[in-house]
């Protein structure tokens, strides 16, 4: 069971301001969060979306998420 929650944030892809993310919903499942982001994007193709965990970690490139949710920021190779 996953104790984290995941927030889905959206913003217009053509906006110049990086801080204009709007919270759409939060979920306990990463899959549900990604599905929500994709549905929002289908409604409005000009939207970008991202998923953040309750630990304030952004899950990058949501289309490529695998169920491991490993931090890819720690590239020390």
Protein backbone atom coordinates (compact mmCIF):
# COMPACT_ATOMS: atom_id res chain seq x y z
CA UNK A 1 0.00 0.00 0.00
CA UNK A 2 1.20 3.46 -0.87
CA UNK A 3 1.15 6.06 1.90
CA UNK A 4 1.97 8.91 -0.48
CA UNK A 5 -0.57 11.14 -2.15
CA UNK A 6 -0.09 12.49 -5.65
CA UNK A 7 -1.21 15.91 -6.85
CA UNK A 8 -2.09 16.63 -10.46
CA UNK A 9 -1.16 20.15 -11.58
CA UNK A 10 -1.90 21.76 -14.94
CA UNK A 11 -0.98 24.95 -16.76
CA UNK A 12 -1.30 26.29 -20.30
CA UNK A 13 1.70 25.15 -22.32
CA UNK A 14 2.00 28.53 -24.02
CA UNK A 15 2.32 30.60 -20.82
CA UNK A 16 5.65 32.20 -20.03
CA UNK A 17 5.24 32.06 -16.25
CA UNK A 18 6.55 28.90 -14.64
CA UNK A 19 4.60 29.47 -11.43
CA UNK A 20 1.12 29.24 -12.97
CA UNK A 21 0.47 25.61 -12.04
CA UNK A 22 -3.10 24.93 -10.89
CA UNK A 23 -4.01 22.00 -8.64
CA UNK A 24 -6.66 19.83 -10.27
CA UNK A 25 -6.93 16.90 -7.86
CA UNK A 26 -5.01 14.62 -5.57
CA UNK A 27 -4.94 10.84 -5.48
CA UNK A 28 -3.45 8.00 -3.46
CA UNK A 29 -2.53 6.13 -6.65
CA UNK A 30 0.06 7.35 -9.15
CA UNK A 31 -1.84 5.62 -11.96
CA UNK A 32 -5.05 7.51 -11.11
CA UNK A 33 -3.14 10.78 -10.95
CA UNK A 34 -1.55 10.22 -14.36
CA UNK A 35 -4.92 9.21 -15.83
CA UNK A 36 -6.45 12.42 -14.47
CA UNK A 37 -3.66 14.50 -16.01
CA UNK A 38 -4.15 12.81 -19.35
CA UNK A 39 -7.92 13.40 -19.23
CA UNK A 40 -7.33 17.09 -18.52
CA UNK A 41 -4.92 17.22 -21.45
CA UNK A 42 -7.45 15.51 -23.73
CA UNK A 43 -10.04 18.15 -22.79
CA UNK A 44 -7.56 20.90 -23.59
CA UNK A 45 -4.50 19.86 -25.67
CA UNK A 46 -2.77 23.14 -24.82
CA UNK A 47 -2.37 22.08 -21.20
CA UNK A 48 0.76 20.64 -19.67
CA UNK A 49 0.45 18.53 -16.58
CA UNK A 50 2.72 17.17 -13.92
CA UNK A 51 2.29 14.87 -10.96
CA UNK A 52 3.89 15.64 -7.61
CA UNK A 53 4.11 13.34 -4.62
CA UNK A 54 3.16 14.45 -1.13
CA UNK A 55 6.89 14.64 -0.46
CA UNK A 56 7.04 17.55 -2.96
CA UNK A 57 8.88 15.49 -5.54
CA UNK A 58 7.83 16.09 -9.12
CA UNK A 59 7.37 12.96 -11.15
CA UNK A 60 8.91 13.95 -14.48
CA UNK A 61 7.68 12.81 -17.89
CA UNK A 62 4.51 11.18 -16.66
CA UNK A 63 4.07 9.21 -19.88
CA UNK A 64 7.20 7.23 -19.04
CA UNK A 65 6.42 6.42 -15.40
CA UNK A 66 7.03 2.88 -14.28
CA UNK A 67 5.67 1.43 -11.07
CA UNK A 68 9.05 1.74 -9.33
CA UNK A 69 8.88 5.52 -8.83
CA UNK A 70 12.62 5.73 -8.39
CA UNK A 71 14.33 9.08 -8.11
CA UNK A 72 16.05 9.74 -11.41
CA UNK A 73 17.52 13.02 -10.15
CA UNK A 74 20.28 11.13 -8.39
CA UNK A 75 22.43 10.50 -11.45
CA UNK A 76 25.83 10.07 -9.86
CA UNK A 77 27.20 7.79 -12.60
